Amino acid sequence: MFPEINYLTLFVLGFFGGTHCVGMCGGLSSAFALQLPLHIPRILLITLLNIGRISSYIAIGALMGALSQLGLALDEARSAQLILHVAANILLLLMGLYLAGVWALAAKVELLGKPVWRKINPLLNKLLPIQSVSGCLWVGVLWGWLPCGLVYNASLYALGSGSAAQGGLLMLAFGLGTLPNLLAMGVFAAQLRVFLQHKWVRLVAGLLVCGWAIGSLWQIVQAA
């Protein structure tokens, strides 16, 4: 349902979620950047880190889409997708409030991924410090599984997509939205961290996400 709105919604979520990414991923991104080998161009390795990260997002989206594709019969697919779409936008609204520093309820969603991250983190530690181009890519792949409410929110859209391909593309849109902030974080870590942690920046970004969620919910009401 509303595929063009979904792509835009997920890109906007990824982009304006940059204030959250600084807190969640900024430390990791900075640490990775400081560990990059000097004999390989810094921008290449930062790009590879993010390619690996977004590849994991696509895999998560494809998995979510495949689950919905297998679990939904044709006669019930539309109503199930509608419910998931509404739920995703309600969570998006909560994430906007969280980004704005108004209400932190959505942060509790990140607790769901802690057990998985405890198993992945030792694998990540074995690849650090980064010594090669391939190692950099694999670090990025594992980084993509870091517990994150924004990723889980985007995954809910993918779950409602009804197909593995659509789910993967939706998560690609989300990943591309996160890319400008995290590429910049790898290059201008200190300066960007200070800017994005200003209260007014977080407030504006969060309210924009809230506004987008409310607009998407209104689109659903009109189409119902």
N, C-alpha and C. Protein backbone atom coordinates (compact mmCIF):
# COMPACT_ATOMS: atom_id res chain seq x y z
N MET A 1 0.83 -1.20 0.00
CA MET A 1 0.00 0.00 0.00
C MET A 1 0.86 1.25 0.00
N PHE A 2 0.48 2.26 -0.77
CA PHE A 2 1.15 3.54 -0.81
C PHE A 2 2.66 3.40 -0.93
N PRO A 3 3.18 2.63 -1.94
CA PRO A 3 4.62 2.38 -1.98
C PRO A 3 5.46 3.63 -2.06
N GLU A 4 5.00 4.64 -2.84
CA GLU A 4 5.81 5.85 -2.97
C GLU A 4 5.88 6.60 -1.64
N ILE A 5 4.80 6.57 -0.85
CA ILE A 5 4.81 7.20 0.45
C ILE A 5 5.74 6.45 1.39
N ASN A 6 5.74 5.12 1.31
CA ASN A 6 6.60 4.32 2.16
C ASN A 6 8.07 4.64 1.92
N TYR A 7 8.47 4.70 0.65
CA TYR A 7 9.87 5.00 0.34
C TYR A 7 10.27 6.35 0.89
N LEU A 8 9.42 7.35 0.67
CA LEU A 8 9.71 8.69 1.16
C LEU A 8 9.74 8.72 2.68
N THR A 9 8.78 8.02 3.29
CA THR A 9 8.70 7.98 4.75
C THR A 9 9.98 7.40 5.34
N LEU A 10 10.45 6.30 4.77
CA LEU A 10 11.63 5.64 5.31
C LEU A 10 12.89 6.46 5.05
N PHE A 11 12.96 7.13 3.91
CA PHE A 11 14.11 8.00 3.66
C PHE A 11 14.12 9.15 4.67
N VAL A 12 12.96 9.76 4.89
CA VAL A 12 12.85 10.86 5.85
C VAL A 12 13.19 10.38 7.26
N LEU A 13 12.69 9.19 7.64
CA LEU A 13 13.01 8.63 8.95
C LEU A 13 14.52 8.46 9.11
N GLY A 14 15.18 7.92 8.08
CA GLY A 14 16.62 7.73 8.15
C GLY A 14 17.37 9.05 8.21
N PHE A 15 16.93 10.03 7.42
CA PHE A 15 17.65 11.30 7.36
C PHE A 15 17.49 12.11 8.64
N PHE A 16 16.25 12.33 9.06
CA PHE A 16 16.02 13.15 10.25
C PHE A 16 16.32 12.38 11.54
N GLY A 17 16.47 11.07 11.41
CA GLY A 17 16.90 10.29 12.56
C GLY A 17 18.38 10.45 12.84
N GLY A 18 19.06 11.33 12.08
CA GLY A 18 20.48 11.55 12.26
C GLY A 18 20.84 11.99 13.66
N THR A 19 19.93 12.70 14.33
CA THR A 19 20.20 13.12 15.70
C THR A 19 20.30 11.91 16.63
N HIS A 20 19.52 10.87 16.33
CA HIS A 20 19.58 9.63 17.10
C HIS A 20 20.81 8.82 16.70
N CYS A 21 21.12 8.83 15.40
CA CYS A 21 22.27 8.07 14.91
C CYS A 21 23.57 8.55 15.56
N VAL A 22 23.65 9.85 15.82
CA VAL A 22 24.85 10.38 16.46
C VAL A 22 25.03 9.76 17.84
N GLY A 23 23.91 9.60 18.57
CA GLY A 23 23.99 9.00 19.89
C GLY A 23 24.24 7.51 19.84
N MET A 24 23.51 6.81 18.95
CA MET A 24 23.61 5.36 18.88
C MET A 24 24.84 4.88 18.12
N CYS A 25 25.04 5.45 16.92
CA CYS A 25 26.09 4.97 16.02
C CYS A 25 27.29 5.91 15.93
N GLY A 26 27.11 7.14 16.43
CA GLY A 26 28.19 8.11 16.29
C GLY A 26 29.47 7.67 16.96
N GLY A 27 29.35 7.11 18.16
CA GLY A 27 30.54 6.64 18.86
C GLY A 27 31.22 5.52 18.12
N LEU A 28 30.42 4.58 17.60
CA LEU A 28 30.99 3.48 16.83
C LEU A 28 31.64 3.99 15.55
N SER A 29 30.93 4.87 14.84
CA SER A 29 31.46 5.40 13.59
C SER A 29 32.78 6.12 13.82
N SER A 30 32.85 6.92 14.88
CA SER A 30 34.09 7.63 15.19
C SER A 30 35.20 6.66 15.56
N ALA A 31 34.85 5.65 16.35
CA ALA A 31 35.85 4.66 16.76
C ALA A 31 36.38 3.89 15.55
N PHE A 32 35.48 3.50 14.66
CA PHE A 32 35.91 2.79 13.45
C PHE A 32 36.83 3.67 12.62
N ALA A 33 36.43 4.95 12.48
CA ALA A 33 37.22 5.88 11.66
C ALA A 33 38.63 6.05 12.22
N LEU A 34 38.75 6.07 13.55
CA LEU A 34 40.06 6.24 14.17
C LEU A 34 40.94 5.01 14.00
N GLN A 35 40.31 3.84 13.77
CA GLN A 35 41.05 2.60 13.66
C GLN A 35 41.39 2.22 12.22
N LEU A 36 40.97 3.04 11.27
CA LEU A 36 41.18 2.69 9.87
C LEU A 36 42.67 2.70 9.53
N PRO A 37 43.15 1.70 8.77
CA PRO A 37 44.56 1.67 8.39
C PRO A 37 44.93 2.84 7.50
N LEU A 38 46.12 3.37 7.71
CA LEU A 38 46.55 4.58 7.02
C LEU A 38 46.87 4.36 5.56
N HIS A 39 47.16 3.11 5.17
CA HIS A 39 47.57 2.85 3.78
C HIS A 39 46.39 2.75 2.82
N ILE A 40 45.16 2.81 3.35
CA ILE A 40 43.96 2.76 2.51
C ILE A 40 43.22 4.09 2.67
N PRO A 41 42.76 4.70 1.56
CA PRO A 41 42.08 6.01 1.65
C PRO A 41 40.92 5.98 2.64
N ARG A 42 40.89 6.96 3.50
CA ARG A 42 39.90 7.03 4.57
C ARG A 42 38.47 7.05 4.03
N ILE A 43 38.23 7.83 2.99
CA ILE A 43 36.87 7.94 2.45
C ILE A 43 36.40 6.62 1.88
N LEU A 44 37.32 5.81 1.30
CA LEU A 44 36.95 4.50 0.77
C LEU A 44 36.49 3.59 1.89
N LEU A 45 37.22 3.56 3.00
CA LEU A 45 36.87 2.67 4.08
C LEU A 45 35.59 3.10 4.79
N ILE A 46 35.40 4.41 4.94
CA ILE A 46 34.15 4.90 5.53
C ILE A 46 32.96 4.52 4.65
N THR A 47 33.15 4.63 3.34
CA THR A 47 32.09 4.25 2.40
C THR A 47 31.79 2.76 2.50
N LEU A 48 32.83 1.94 2.60
CA LEU A 48 32.65 0.49 2.72
C LEU A 48 31.92 0.13 4.01
N LEU A 49 32.26 0.80 5.09
CA LEU A 49 31.56 0.57 6.36
C LEU A 49 30.06 0.77 6.18
N ASN A 50 29.70 1.83 5.48
CA ASN A 50 28.28 2.14 5.31
C ASN A 50 27.60 1.25 4.27
N ILE A 51 28.35 0.81 3.28
CA ILE A 51 27.80 -0.17 2.32
C ILE A 51 27.46 -1.46 3.06
N GLY A 52 28.37 -1.90 3.93
CA GLY A 52 28.11 -3.10 4.72
C GLY A 52 26.90 -2.94 5.62
N ARG A 53 26.81 -1.77 6.28
CA ARG A 53 25.68 -1.49 7.16
C ARG A 53 24.36 -1.52 6.41
N ILE A 54 24.30 -0.84 5.27
CA ILE A 54 23.06 -0.79 4.50
C ILE A 54 22.72 -2.15 3.91
N SER A 55 23.74 -2.95 3.58
CA SER A 55 23.49 -4.30 3.09
C SER A 55 22.74 -5.13 4.14
N SER A 56 23.10 -4.95 5.41
CA SER A 56 22.39 -5.65 6.48
C SER A 56 20.95 -5.16 6.58
N TYR A 57 20.74 -3.86 6.41
CA TYR A 57 19.37 -3.33 6.43
C TYR A 57 18.54 -3.97 5.32
N ILE A 58 19.13 -4.09 4.13
CA ILE A 58 18.41 -4.69 3.01
C ILE A 58 18.07 -6.14 3.32
N ALA A 59 19.03 -6.86 3.93
CA ALA A 59 18.79 -8.26 4.29
C ALA A 59 17.66 -8.37 5.31
N ILE A 60 17.65 -7.47 6.29
CA ILE A 60 16.58 -7.46 7.29
C ILE A 60 15.24 -7.19 6.61
N GLY A 61 15.21 -6.22 5.71
CA GLY A 61 13.98 -5.90 5.00
C GLY A 61 13.48 -7.05 4.15
N ALA A 62 14.40 -7.71 3.45
CA ALA A 62 14.02 -8.86 2.62
C ALA A 62 13.47 -9.98 3.47
N LEU A 63 14.07 -10.20 4.64
CA LEU A 63 13.59 -11.24 5.55
C LEU A 63 12.19 -10.90 6.06
N MET A 64 11.98 -9.65 6.46
CA MET A 64 10.66 -9.24 6.94
C MET A 64 9.61 -9.36 5.83
N GLY A 65 9.98 -8.92 4.63
CA GLY A 65 9.05 -9.01 3.50
C GLY A 65 8.73 -10.44 3.14
N ALA A 66 9.73 -11.33 3.21
CA ALA A 66 9.51 -12.75 2.91
C ALA A 66 8.59 -13.39 3.93
N LEU A 67 8.75 -13.00 5.20
CA LEU A 67 7.86 -13.54 6.25
C LEU A 67 6.42 -13.14 5.99
N SER A 68 6.20 -11.89 5.62
CA SER A 68 4.84 -11.47 5.34
C SER A 68 4.30 -12.12 4.07
N GLN A 69 5.17 -12.33 3.10
CA GLN A 69 4.76 -12.97 1.85
C GLN A 69 4.31 -14.41 2.10
N LEU A 70 5.01 -15.10 2.98
CA LEU A 70 4.66 -16.48 3.29
C LEU A 70 3.44 -16.58 4.19
N GLY A 71 3.26 -15.58 5.05
CA GLY A 71 2.23 -15.68 6.06
C GLY A 71 0.89 -15.11 5.69
N LEU A 72 0.81 -14.38 4.59
CA LEU A 72 -0.45 -13.73 4.25
C LEU A 72 -1.12 -14.38 3.04
N ALA A 73 -2.35 -14.82 3.22
CA ALA A 73 -3.14 -15.28 2.09
C ALA A 73 -3.66 -14.06 1.35
N LEU A 74 -3.95 -14.24 0.07
CA LEU A 74 -4.36 -13.10 -0.75
C LEU A 74 -5.59 -12.38 -0.22
N ASP A 75 -6.55 -13.14 0.31
CA ASP A 75 -7.80 -12.51 0.73
C ASP A 75 -7.65 -11.71 2.02
N GLU A 76 -6.57 -11.96 2.77
CA GLU A 76 -6.40 -11.22 4.01
C GLU A 76 -5.20 -10.28 3.96
N ALA A 77 -4.50 -10.25 2.83
CA ALA A 77 -3.27 -9.47 2.74
C ALA A 77 -3.53 -7.98 2.92
N ARG A 78 -4.59 -7.47 2.29
CA ARG A 78 -4.81 -6.02 2.33
C ARG A 78 -5.10 -5.54 3.75
N SER A 79 -5.95 -6.25 4.49
CA SER A 79 -6.28 -5.82 5.84
C SER A 79 -5.07 -5.93 6.76
N ALA A 80 -4.27 -6.99 6.59
CA ALA A 80 -3.07 -7.15 7.42
C ALA A 80 -2.06 -6.05 7.11
N GLN A 81 -1.88 -5.74 5.82
CA GLN A 81 -0.96 -4.67 5.45
C GLN A 81 -1.43 -3.32 6.00
N LEU A 82 -2.73 -3.11 5.99
CA LEU A 82 -3.28 -1.87 6.53
C LEU A 82 -2.96 -1.73 8.01
N ILE A 83 -3.16 -2.82 8.75
CA ILE A 83 -2.88 -2.81 10.19
C ILE A 83 -1.39 -2.54 10.44
N LEU A 84 -0.52 -3.21 9.68
CA LEU A 84 0.91 -3.02 9.85
C LEU A 84 1.34 -1.60 9.48
N HIS A 85 0.69 -1.06 8.45
CA HIS A 85 1.02 0.30 8.02
C HIS A 85 0.63 1.31 9.09
N VAL A 86 -0.54 1.12 9.69
CA VAL A 86 -0.97 2.00 10.78
C VAL A 86 -0.02 1.87 11.96
N ALA A 87 0.31 0.63 12.33
CA ALA A 87 1.21 0.39 13.46
C ALA A 87 2.58 1.03 13.22
N ALA A 88 3.08 0.91 11.98
CA ALA A 88 4.39 1.48 11.64
C ALA A 88 4.37 2.99 11.78
N ASN A 89 3.28 3.63 11.38
CA ASN A 89 3.21 5.09 11.47
C ASN A 89 2.99 5.57 12.90
N ILE A 90 2.30 4.77 13.71
CA ILE A 90 2.17 5.12 15.12
C ILE A 90 3.54 5.03 15.79
N LEU A 91 4.30 3.97 15.47
CA LEU A 91 5.66 3.86 16.01
C LEU A 91 6.54 4.99 15.49
N LEU A 92 6.32 5.38 14.23
CA LEU A 92 7.07 6.50 13.66
C LEU A 92 6.78 7.79 14.43
N LEU A 93 5.53 7.99 14.81
CA LEU A 93 5.15 9.15 15.60
C LEU A 93 5.86 9.12 16.96
N LEU A 94 5.89 7.95 17.59
CA LEU A 94 6.58 7.81 18.88
C LEU A 94 8.08 8.05 18.73
N MET A 95 8.65 7.57 17.60
CA MET A 95 10.07 7.80 17.36
C MET A 95 10.36 9.29 17.18
N GLY A 96 9.43 10.00 16.53
CA GLY A 96 9.58 11.44 16.37
C GLY A 96 9.60 12.15 17.72
N LEU A 97 8.70 11.73 18.62
CA LEU A 97 8.68 12.30 19.96
C LEU A 97 9.97 11.99 20.72
N TYR A 98 10.49 10.79 20.48
CA TYR A 98 11.75 10.40 21.12
C TYR A 98 12.91 11.24 20.59
N LEU A 99 12.97 11.40 19.26
CA LEU A 99 14.02 12.22 18.67
C LEU A 99 13.96 13.65 19.16
N ALA A 100 12.75 14.15 19.36
CA ALA A 100 12.56 15.53 19.80
C ALA A 100 12.86 15.70 21.28
N GLY A 101 13.05 14.60 22.00
CA GLY A 101 13.31 14.68 23.43
C GLY A 101 12.06 14.92 24.24
N VAL A 102 10.87 14.63 23.66
CA VAL A 102 9.60 14.88 24.34
C VAL A 102 9.16 13.66 25.14
N TRP A 103 9.30 12.46 24.55
CA TRP A 103 8.83 11.23 25.20
C TRP A 103 9.72 10.09 24.75
N ALA A 104 10.31 9.37 25.70
CA ALA A 104 11.32 8.35 25.38
C ALA A 104 10.77 6.93 25.34
N LEU A 105 9.44 6.78 25.25
CA LEU A 105 8.85 5.44 25.25
C LEU A 105 9.40 4.58 24.12
N ALA A 106 9.59 5.16 22.93
CA ALA A 106 10.04 4.40 21.77
C ALA A 106 11.44 3.81 21.98
N ALA A 107 12.22 4.39 22.88
CA ALA A 107 13.58 3.89 23.11
C ALA A 107 13.56 2.47 23.66
N LYS A 108 12.46 2.09 24.33
CA LYS A 108 12.37 0.76 24.90
C LYS A 108 12.32 -0.33 23.83
N VAL A 109 11.93 0.06 22.61
CA VAL A 109 11.89 -0.90 21.50
C VAL A 109 13.28 -1.49 21.25
N GLU A 110 14.32 -0.69 21.50
CA GLU A 110 15.68 -1.14 21.24
C GLU A 110 16.11 -2.30 22.13
N LEU A 111 15.42 -2.48 23.23
CA LEU A 111 15.74 -3.59 24.13
C LEU A 111 15.49 -4.94 23.47
N LEU A 112 14.61 -4.96 22.47
CA LEU A 112 14.28 -6.22 21.80
C LEU A 112 15.48 -6.85 21.11
N GLY A 113 16.41 -6.01 20.64
CA GLY A 113 17.55 -6.54 19.89
C GLY A 113 18.78 -6.85 20.72
N LYS A 114 18.72 -6.61 22.03
CA LYS A 114 19.90 -6.83 22.88
C LYS A 114 20.40 -8.27 22.84
N PRO A 115 19.52 -9.30 22.92
CA PRO A 115 20.03 -10.68 22.89
C PRO A 115 20.79 -11.01 21.60
N VAL A 116 20.30 -10.53 20.47
CA VAL A 116 20.98 -10.78 19.19
C VAL A 116 22.33 -10.07 19.16
N TRP A 117 22.36 -8.81 19.64
CA TRP A 117 23.60 -8.04 19.62
C TRP A 117 24.66 -8.66 20.53
N ARG A 118 24.25 -9.29 21.63
CA ARG A 118 25.22 -9.94 22.51
C ARG A 118 25.95 -11.07 21.81
N LYS A 119 25.30 -11.69 20.84
CA LYS A 119 25.93 -12.77 20.08
C LYS A 119 26.79 -12.23 18.94
N ILE A 120 26.39 -11.09 18.38
CA ILE A 120 27.11 -10.52 17.24
C ILE A 120 28.33 -9.72 17.69
N ASN A 121 28.24 -9.07 18.84
CA ASN A 121 29.32 -8.18 19.30
C ASN A 121 30.69 -8.86 19.40
N PRO A 122 30.77 -10.11 19.89
CA PRO A 122 32.09 -10.77 19.92
C PRO A 122 32.68 -10.96 18.53
N LEU A 123 31.84 -11.21 17.53
CA LEU A 123 32.33 -11.35 16.15
C LEU A 123 32.89 -10.02 15.66
N LEU A 124 32.20 -8.94 16.02
CA LEU A 124 32.66 -7.60 15.63
C LEU A 124 34.02 -7.29 16.27
N ASN A 125 34.16 -7.63 17.54
CA ASN A 125 35.41 -7.35 18.25
C ASN A 125 36.60 -8.08 17.63
N LYS A 126 36.35 -9.25 17.06
CA LYS A 126 37.43 -10.02 16.43
C LYS A 126 37.95 -9.34 15.17
N LEU A 127 37.12 -8.49 14.56
CA LEU A 127 37.52 -7.80 13.33
C LEU A 127 38.18 -6.45 13.60
N LEU A 128 38.25 -6.07 14.86
CA LEU A 128 38.84 -4.78 15.22
C LEU A 128 40.21 -4.96 15.85
N PRO A 129 41.16 -4.05 15.58
CA PRO A 129 41.05 -2.91 14.67
C PRO A 129 41.01 -3.35 13.21
N ILE A 130 40.40 -2.53 12.38
CA ILE A 130 40.25 -2.85 10.96
C ILE A 130 41.62 -2.84 10.27
N GLN A 131 41.91 -3.92 9.53
CA GLN A 131 43.22 -4.06 8.90
C GLN A 131 43.16 -4.12 7.38
N SER A 132 41.96 -4.30 6.81
CA SER A 132 41.87 -4.51 5.36
C SER A 132 40.55 -3.98 4.83
N VAL A 133 40.46 -3.91 3.50
CA VAL A 133 39.22 -3.48 2.85
C VAL A 133 38.10 -4.46 3.14
N SER A 134 38.36 -5.75 3.02
CA SER A 134 37.33 -6.76 3.27
C SER A 134 36.89 -6.73 4.73
N GLY A 135 37.86 -6.54 5.64
CA GLY A 135 37.51 -6.46 7.05
C GLY A 135 36.61 -5.28 7.34
N CYS A 136 36.86 -4.19 6.65
CA CYS A 136 36.05 -2.98 6.81
C CYS A 136 34.60 -3.25 6.39
N LEU A 137 34.44 -3.95 5.28
CA LEU A 137 33.10 -4.27 4.79
C LEU A 137 32.35 -5.15 5.78
N TRP A 138 33.04 -6.15 6.33
CA TRP A 138 32.38 -7.07 7.27
C TRP A 138 32.05 -6.37 8.59
N VAL A 139 32.88 -5.45 9.02
CA VAL A 139 32.55 -4.65 10.20
C VAL A 139 31.25 -3.88 9.96
N GLY A 140 31.11 -3.31 8.77
CA GLY A 140 29.89 -2.60 8.43
C GLY A 140 28.67 -3.51 8.43
N VAL A 141 28.83 -4.72 7.92
CA VAL A 141 27.72 -5.69 7.90
C VAL A 141 27.25 -5.98 9.32
N LEU A 142 28.17 -6.22 10.23
CA LEU A 142 27.81 -6.51 11.62
C LEU A 142 27.24 -5.28 12.31
N TRP A 143 27.77 -4.13 11.98
CA TRP A 143 27.27 -2.86 12.53
C TRP A 143 25.79 -2.70 12.23
N GLY A 144 25.35 -3.17 11.07
CA GLY A 144 23.95 -3.02 10.67
C GLY A 144 22.96 -3.73 11.59
N TRP A 145 23.46 -4.63 12.46
CA TRP A 145 22.58 -5.37 13.37
C TRP A 145 22.54 -4.76 14.77
N LEU A 146 23.16 -3.59 14.94
CA LEU A 146 23.13 -2.90 16.23
C LEU A 146 21.67 -2.58 16.58
N PRO A 147 21.23 -2.89 17.82
CA PRO A 147 19.85 -2.59 18.21
C PRO A 147 19.54 -1.10 18.02
N CYS A 148 18.48 -0.81 17.27
CA CYS A 148 18.15 0.58 16.94
C CYS A 148 16.65 0.70 16.69
N GLY A 149 16.01 1.60 17.43
CA GLY A 149 14.58 1.79 17.26
C GLY A 149 14.20 2.25 15.87
N LEU A 150 15.06 3.05 15.25
CA LEU A 150 14.78 3.52 13.88
C LEU A 150 14.76 2.35 12.91
N VAL A 151 15.71 1.42 13.05
CA VAL A 151 15.76 0.24 12.18
C VAL A 151 14.53 -0.62 12.39
N TYR A 152 14.13 -0.79 13.66
CA TYR A 152 12.95 -1.62 13.94
C TYR A 152 11.69 -0.98 13.39
N ASN A 153 11.61 0.34 13.47
CA ASN A 153 10.47 1.05 12.89
C ASN A 153 10.41 0.81 11.38
N ALA A 154 11.55 0.97 10.72
CA ALA A 154 11.60 0.74 9.28
C ALA A 154 11.27 -0.71 8.94
N SER A 155 11.71 -1.64 9.80
CA SER A 155 11.45 -3.07 9.56
C SER A 155 9.96 -3.38 9.59
N LEU A 156 9.21 -2.62 10.38
CA LEU A 156 7.77 -2.85 10.46
C LEU A 156 7.10 -2.50 9.14
N TYR A 157 7.59 -1.46 8.47
CA TYR A 157 7.10 -1.16 7.12
C TYR A 157 7.43 -2.31 6.18
N ALA A 158 8.65 -2.84 6.28
CA ALA A 158 9.07 -3.96 5.43
C ALA A 158 8.19 -5.18 5.67
N LEU A 159 7.83 -5.41 6.94
CA LEU A 159 6.98 -6.55 7.27
C LEU A 159 5.61 -6.44 6.62
N GLY A 160 5.16 -5.21 6.44
CA GLY A 160 3.86 -5.00 5.81
C GLY A 160 3.91 -4.92 4.29
N SER A 161 5.11 -5.09 3.72
CA SER A 161 5.26 -4.91 2.27
C SER A 161 4.68 -6.05 1.46
N GLY A 162 4.68 -7.27 2.01
CA GLY A 162 4.11 -8.40 1.30
C GLY A 162 5.06 -9.13 0.38
N SER A 163 6.31 -8.68 0.25
CA SER A 163 7.28 -9.39 -0.59
C SER A 163 8.69 -9.10 -0.13
N ALA A 164 9.58 -10.07 -0.38
CA ALA A 164 10.98 -9.92 0.01
C ALA A 164 11.63 -8.77 -0.75
N ALA A 165 11.35 -8.67 -2.04
CA ALA A 165 11.95 -7.61 -2.86
C ALA A 165 11.52 -6.23 -2.38
N GLN A 166 10.23 -6.08 -2.12
CA GLN A 166 9.71 -4.79 -1.66
C GLN A 166 10.28 -4.44 -0.29
N GLY A 167 10.35 -5.43 0.59
CA GLY A 167 10.90 -5.20 1.92
C GLY A 167 12.35 -4.76 1.85
N GLY A 168 13.13 -5.40 0.98
CA GLY A 168 14.53 -5.01 0.82
C GLY A 168 14.67 -3.60 0.28
N LEU A 169 13.84 -3.22 -0.68
CA LEU A 169 13.89 -1.88 -1.26
C LEU A 169 13.49 -0.81 -0.24
N LEU A 170 12.51 -1.14 0.60
CA LEU A 170 12.10 -0.19 1.62
C LEU A 170 13.24 0.08 2.60
N MET A 171 13.94 -0.98 3.00
CA MET A 171 15.06 -0.80 3.92
C MET A 171 16.24 -0.12 3.23
N LEU A 172 16.38 -0.30 1.92
CA LEU A 172 17.39 0.45 1.16
C LEU A 172 17.10 1.94 1.23
N ALA A 173 15.81 2.31 1.07
CA ALA A 173 15.43 3.72 1.15
C ALA A 173 15.78 4.29 2.52
N PHE A 174 15.52 3.50 3.58
CA PHE A 174 15.87 3.93 4.93
C PHE A 174 17.38 4.10 5.06
N GLY A 175 18.13 3.11 4.58
CA GLY A 175 19.59 3.16 4.67
C GLY A 175 20.17 4.36 3.94
N LEU A 176 19.62 4.67 2.77
CA LEU A 176 20.11 5.84 2.02
C LEU A 176 19.82 7.14 2.77
N GLY A 177 18.70 7.14 3.51
CA GLY A 177 18.39 8.32 4.31
C GLY A 177 19.40 8.54 5.44
N THR A 178 19.90 7.44 6.00
CA THR A 178 20.88 7.56 7.09
C THR A 178 22.27 7.90 6.58
N LEU A 179 22.51 7.67 5.29
CA LEU A 179 23.87 7.75 4.75
C LEU A 179 24.53 9.12 4.90
N PRO A 180 23.85 10.24 4.55
CA PRO A 180 24.55 11.53 4.64
C PRO A 180 25.10 11.82 6.03
N ASN A 181 24.30 11.55 7.07
CA ASN A 181 24.74 11.84 8.43
C ASN A 181 25.91 10.97 8.85
N LEU A 182 25.84 9.68 8.52
CA LEU A 182 26.89 8.78 9.00
C LEU A 182 28.16 8.87 8.16
N LEU A 183 28.04 9.23 6.88
CA LEU A 183 29.24 9.51 6.11
C LEU A 183 29.94 10.75 6.68
N ALA A 184 29.13 11.77 6.96
CA ALA A 184 29.70 12.99 7.54
C ALA A 184 30.28 12.73 8.92
N MET A 185 29.64 11.83 9.67
CA MET A 185 30.16 11.51 11.00
C MET A 185 31.54 10.88 10.92
N GLY A 186 31.76 10.07 9.89
CA GLY A 186 33.06 9.44 9.73
C GLY A 186 34.16 10.43 9.38
N VAL A 187 33.78 11.55 8.74
CA VAL A 187 34.78 12.53 8.28
C VAL A 187 34.88 13.71 9.24
N PHE A 188 33.71 14.19 9.71
CA PHE A 188 33.69 15.38 10.58
C PHE A 188 33.04 15.02 11.92
N ALA A 189 33.55 14.00 12.56
CA ALA A 189 32.91 13.43 13.74
C ALA A 189 32.62 14.47 14.82
N ALA A 190 33.62 15.17 15.27
CA ALA A 190 33.46 16.08 16.41
C ALA A 190 32.49 17.21 16.09
N GLN A 191 32.68 17.85 14.91
CA GLN A 191 31.85 19.00 14.55
C GLN A 191 30.38 18.60 14.40
N LEU A 192 30.13 17.47 13.72
CA LEU A 192 28.76 17.05 13.48
C LEU A 192 28.08 16.62 14.77
N ARG A 193 28.82 15.95 15.63
CA ARG A 193 28.25 15.50 16.91
C ARG A 193 27.74 16.71 17.71
N VAL A 194 28.53 17.76 17.78
CA VAL A 194 28.14 18.95 18.54
C VAL A 194 26.88 19.57 17.94
N PHE A 195 26.84 19.68 16.61
CA PHE A 195 25.69 20.32 15.95
C PHE A 195 24.41 19.52 16.16
N LEU A 196 24.47 18.20 15.93
CA LEU A 196 23.25 17.39 15.98
C LEU A 196 22.76 17.14 17.39
N GLN A 197 23.58 17.40 18.39
CA GLN A 197 23.14 17.21 19.76
C GLN A 197 22.53 18.48 20.37
N HIS A 198 22.50 19.58 19.59
CA HIS A 198 21.79 20.77 20.07
C HIS A 198 20.31 20.44 20.26
N LYS A 199 19.72 20.93 21.33
CA LYS A 199 18.32 20.61 21.63
C LYS A 199 17.39 21.07 20.52
N TRP A 200 17.66 22.24 19.95
CA TRP A 200 16.75 22.76 18.91
C TRP A 200 16.83 21.92 17.65
N VAL A 201 18.01 21.37 17.34
CA VAL A 201 18.15 20.50 16.16
C VAL A 201 17.36 19.22 16.37
N ARG A 202 17.50 18.62 17.56
CA ARG A 202 16.76 17.39 17.87
C ARG A 202 15.26 17.65 17.86
N LEU A 203 14.86 18.81 18.40
CA LEU A 203 13.43 19.14 18.45
C LEU A 203 12.86 19.29 17.05
N VAL A 204 13.54 20.03 16.20
CA VAL A 204 13.06 20.25 14.83
C VAL A 204 13.00 18.92 14.06
N ALA A 205 14.07 18.13 14.16
CA ALA A 205 14.10 16.84 13.45
C ALA A 205 12.98 15.93 13.93
N GLY A 206 12.80 15.86 15.25
CA GLY A 206 11.75 15.00 15.80
C GLY A 206 10.37 15.44 15.39
N LEU A 207 10.11 16.74 15.43
CA LEU A 207 8.79 17.24 15.05
C LEU A 207 8.51 17.03 13.56
N LEU A 208 9.54 17.13 12.74
CA LEU A 208 9.36 16.84 11.31
C LEU A 208 8.97 15.39 11.09
N VAL A 209 9.60 14.48 11.83
CA VAL A 209 9.24 13.06 11.74
C VAL A 209 7.81 12.86 12.24
N CYS A 210 7.43 13.52 13.33
CA CYS A 210 6.05 13.43 13.83
C CYS A 210 5.06 13.92 12.78
N GLY A 211 5.38 15.05 12.16
CA GLY A 211 4.50 15.60 11.14
C GLY A 211 4.34 14.65 9.97
N TRP A 212 5.45 14.00 9.58
CA TRP A 212 5.38 13.05 8.47
C TRP A 212 4.51 11.86 8.85
N ALA A 213 4.64 11.38 10.10
CA ALA A 213 3.83 10.25 10.55
C ALA A 213 2.35 10.60 10.55
N ILE A 214 2.02 11.78 11.04
CA ILE A 214 0.62 12.21 11.07
C ILE A 214 0.08 12.35 9.65
N GLY A 215 0.89 12.89 8.74
CA GLY A 215 0.47 13.00 7.34
C GLY A 215 0.23 11.64 6.72
N SER A 216 1.09 10.67 7.02
CA SER A 216 0.93 9.32 6.47
C SER A 216 -0.33 8.66 7.04
N LEU A 217 -0.60 8.86 8.32
CA LEU A 217 -1.81 8.30 8.92
C LEU A 217 -3.06 8.93 8.28
N TRP A 218 -2.98 10.23 7.98
CA TRP A 218 -4.10 10.90 7.34
C TRP A 218 -4.33 10.33 5.93
N GLN A 219 -3.26 10.02 5.22
CA GLN A 219 -3.38 9.39 3.91
C GLN A 219 -4.11 8.05 4.01
N ILE A 220 -3.81 7.29 5.06
CA ILE A 220 -4.46 6.00 5.26
C ILE A 220 -5.96 6.18 5.51
N VAL A 221 -6.28 7.17 6.36
CA VAL A 221 -7.70 7.44 6.65
C VAL A 221 -8.45 7.82 5.38
N GLN A 222 -7.84 8.65 4.55
CA GLN A 222 -8.49 9.08 3.32
C GLN A 222 -8.68 7.92 2.34
N ALA A 223 -7.72 6.99 2.33
CA ALA A 223 -7.77 5.88 1.37
C ALA A 223 -8.66 4.74 1.85
N ALA A 224 -8.95 4.71 3.16
CA ALA A 224 -9.74 3.60 3.71
C ALA A 224 -11.19 3.66 3.27
